[in-house]
Amino acid sequence: MASSFPRWLRENSEHYLMIDAQRRMAAKYGRPAPPKPKRLAERFWLDVFAPVYRLLPWKLRSFTMQLMPGSHRQQWSRPAERGVPAIGPEGPSGPLSGMKVPPVTAQTGPETGGE
């Protein structure tokens, strides 16, 4: 399955930014860090891309992300309007409001079916 360039870029960015964050947290808290980069591509993402990305102001990062195609640009429909609550401040109302419900006690609990 062929991947598009924006998807590849997003996946690599997320992956190496996470590794960079793990490296920084490990250094901050004295824990073992992820393995050091071995390949040239890993070195680029961790030693060039991640530090430069952290230095960019949020507005520039956000603007760049909005230029890329992806699900973050999808126009989501608004959620349905909420109706009235099932039980109002005065308690339940409606056709079943007059039903007698036996109280739950130590002898009659929900596990016994109220019997």
Protein backbone atom coordinates (compact mmCIF):
# COMPACT_ATOMS: atom_id res chain seq x y z
CA MET A 1 0.00 0.00 0.00
CA ALA A 2 1.58 3.25 -1.10
CA SER A 3 1.64 6.11 1.36
CA SER A 4 1.38 9.75 0.41
CA PHE A 5 4.14 12.20 1.23
CA PRO A 6 2.12 14.20 3.80
CA ARG A 7 1.26 10.99 5.64
CA TRP A 8 4.90 9.83 5.60
CA LEU A 9 6.00 13.25 6.84
CA ARG A 10 3.43 13.26 9.66
CA GLU A 11 4.26 9.72 10.76
CA ASN A 12 8.02 10.38 10.82
CA SER A 13 7.57 13.74 12.53
CA GLU A 14 5.41 12.23 15.26
CA HIS A 15 7.77 9.27 15.72
CA TYR A 16 10.97 11.27 16.04
CA LEU A 17 9.40 14.07 18.10
CA MET A 18 8.23 11.40 20.55
CA ILE A 19 11.73 9.89 20.72
CA ASP A 20 13.16 13.38 21.26
CA ALA A 21 10.68 13.99 24.10
CA GLN A 22 11.62 10.64 25.64
CA ARG A 23 15.33 11.58 25.43
CA ARG A 24 14.70 14.92 27.13
CA MET A 25 12.54 13.38 29.88
CA ALA A 26 15.12 10.64 30.50
CA ALA A 27 17.85 13.28 30.86
CA LYS A 28 15.66 15.41 33.15
CA TYR A 29 14.75 12.53 35.48
CA GLY A 30 18.00 10.52 35.30
CA ARG A 31 16.49 7.55 33.49
CA PRO A 32 17.86 5.47 30.60
CA ALA A 33 17.33 7.20 27.26
CA PRO A 34 16.24 5.59 23.99
CA PRO A 35 19.14 4.25 21.88
CA LYS A 36 21.26 6.84 20.10
CA PRO A 37 20.54 7.35 16.39
CA LYS A 38 22.68 5.17 14.13
CA ARG A 39 21.61 6.00 10.59
CA LEU A 40 21.96 9.36 8.89
CA ALA A 41 18.17 9.72 8.55
CA GLU A 42 17.68 9.15 12.29
CA ARG A 43 20.40 11.67 13.06
CA PHE A 44 18.69 14.25 10.83
CA TRP A 45 15.27 13.78 12.48
CA LEU A 46 16.63 13.79 16.05
CA ASP A 47 19.54 16.23 15.79
CA VAL A 48 18.18 18.72 13.24
CA PHE A 49 14.41 18.44 12.79
CA ALA A 50 13.32 18.01 16.42
CA PRO A 51 15.38 20.91 17.86
CA VAL A 52 14.34 23.25 15.04
CA TYR A 53 10.69 22.23 15.44
CA ARG A 54 10.81 23.01 19.16
CA LEU A 55 12.19 26.48 18.41
CA LEU A 56 9.40 27.40 15.98
CA PRO A 57 6.61 29.55 17.39
CA TRP A 58 3.25 27.80 17.74
CA LYS A 59 1.57 30.01 15.12
CA LEU A 60 4.09 28.93 12.48
CA ARG A 61 3.75 25.25 13.45
CA SER A 62 -0.03 25.48 13.34
CA PHE A 63 0.00 27.28 9.98
CA THR A 64 2.28 24.62 8.50
CA MET A 65 0.07 21.79 9.78
CA GLN A 66 -3.01 23.44 8.28
CA LEU A 67 -1.32 23.52 4.86
CA MET A 68 -0.90 19.74 4.90
CA PRO A 69 -3.82 17.57 3.83
CA GLY A 70 -5.21 15.24 6.48
CA SER A 71 -8.01 14.48 8.89
CA HIS A 72 -7.29 17.63 10.94
CA ARG A 73 -8.79 19.63 8.05
CA GLN A 74 -12.03 17.62 7.89
CA GLN A 75 -15.16 19.62 8.57
CA TRP A 76 -16.88 17.73 11.37
CA SER A 77 -20.63 18.02 11.77
CA ARG A 78 -21.94 19.66 14.92
CA PRO A 79 -23.19 17.28 17.62
CA ALA A 80 -26.95 16.95 17.97
CA GLU A 81 -28.65 19.34 20.33
CA ARG A 82 -29.20 17.83 23.76
CA GLY A 83 -32.77 17.32 24.86
CA VAL A 84 -34.20 17.76 28.29
CA PRO A 85 -32.73 15.64 31.08
CA ALA A 86 -34.40 12.31 31.82
CA ILE A 87 -35.00 13.33 35.43
CA GLY A 88 -35.77 16.94 36.20
CA PRO A 89 -35.23 18.81 39.47
CA GLU A 90 -38.63 17.66 40.79
CA GLY A 91 -37.87 14.00 40.07
CA PRO A 92 -39.09 11.76 37.28
CA SER A 93 -42.17 12.71 35.32
CA GLY A 94 -44.16 11.03 32.61
CA PRO A 95 -46.19 7.84 32.22
CA LEU A 96 -43.92 5.74 34.46
CA SER A 97 -43.49 8.32 37.21
CA GLY A 98 -46.33 6.88 39.29
CA MET A 99 -44.75 3.42 39.55
CA LYS A 100 -43.90 2.18 43.02
CA VAL A 101 -40.25 1.16 43.36
CA PRO A 102 -39.43 -0.92 46.43
CA PRO A 103 -36.57 0.50 48.50
CA VAL A 104 -33.24 -1.33 48.37
CA THR A 105 -32.27 -2.70 51.77
CA ALA A 106 -29.67 -5.14 53.03
CA GLN A 107 -32.16 -8.01 52.55
CA THR A 108 -33.50 -6.82 49.19
CA GLY A 109 -30.78 -5.67 46.86
CA PRO A 110 -30.52 -5.34 43.12
CA GLU A 111 -28.83 -8.78 42.92
CA THR A 112 -31.97 -10.47 44.31
CA GLY A 113 -34.30 -8.64 41.97
CA GLY A 114 -35.81 -6.76 44.92
CA GLU A 115 -37.24 -9.94 46.46
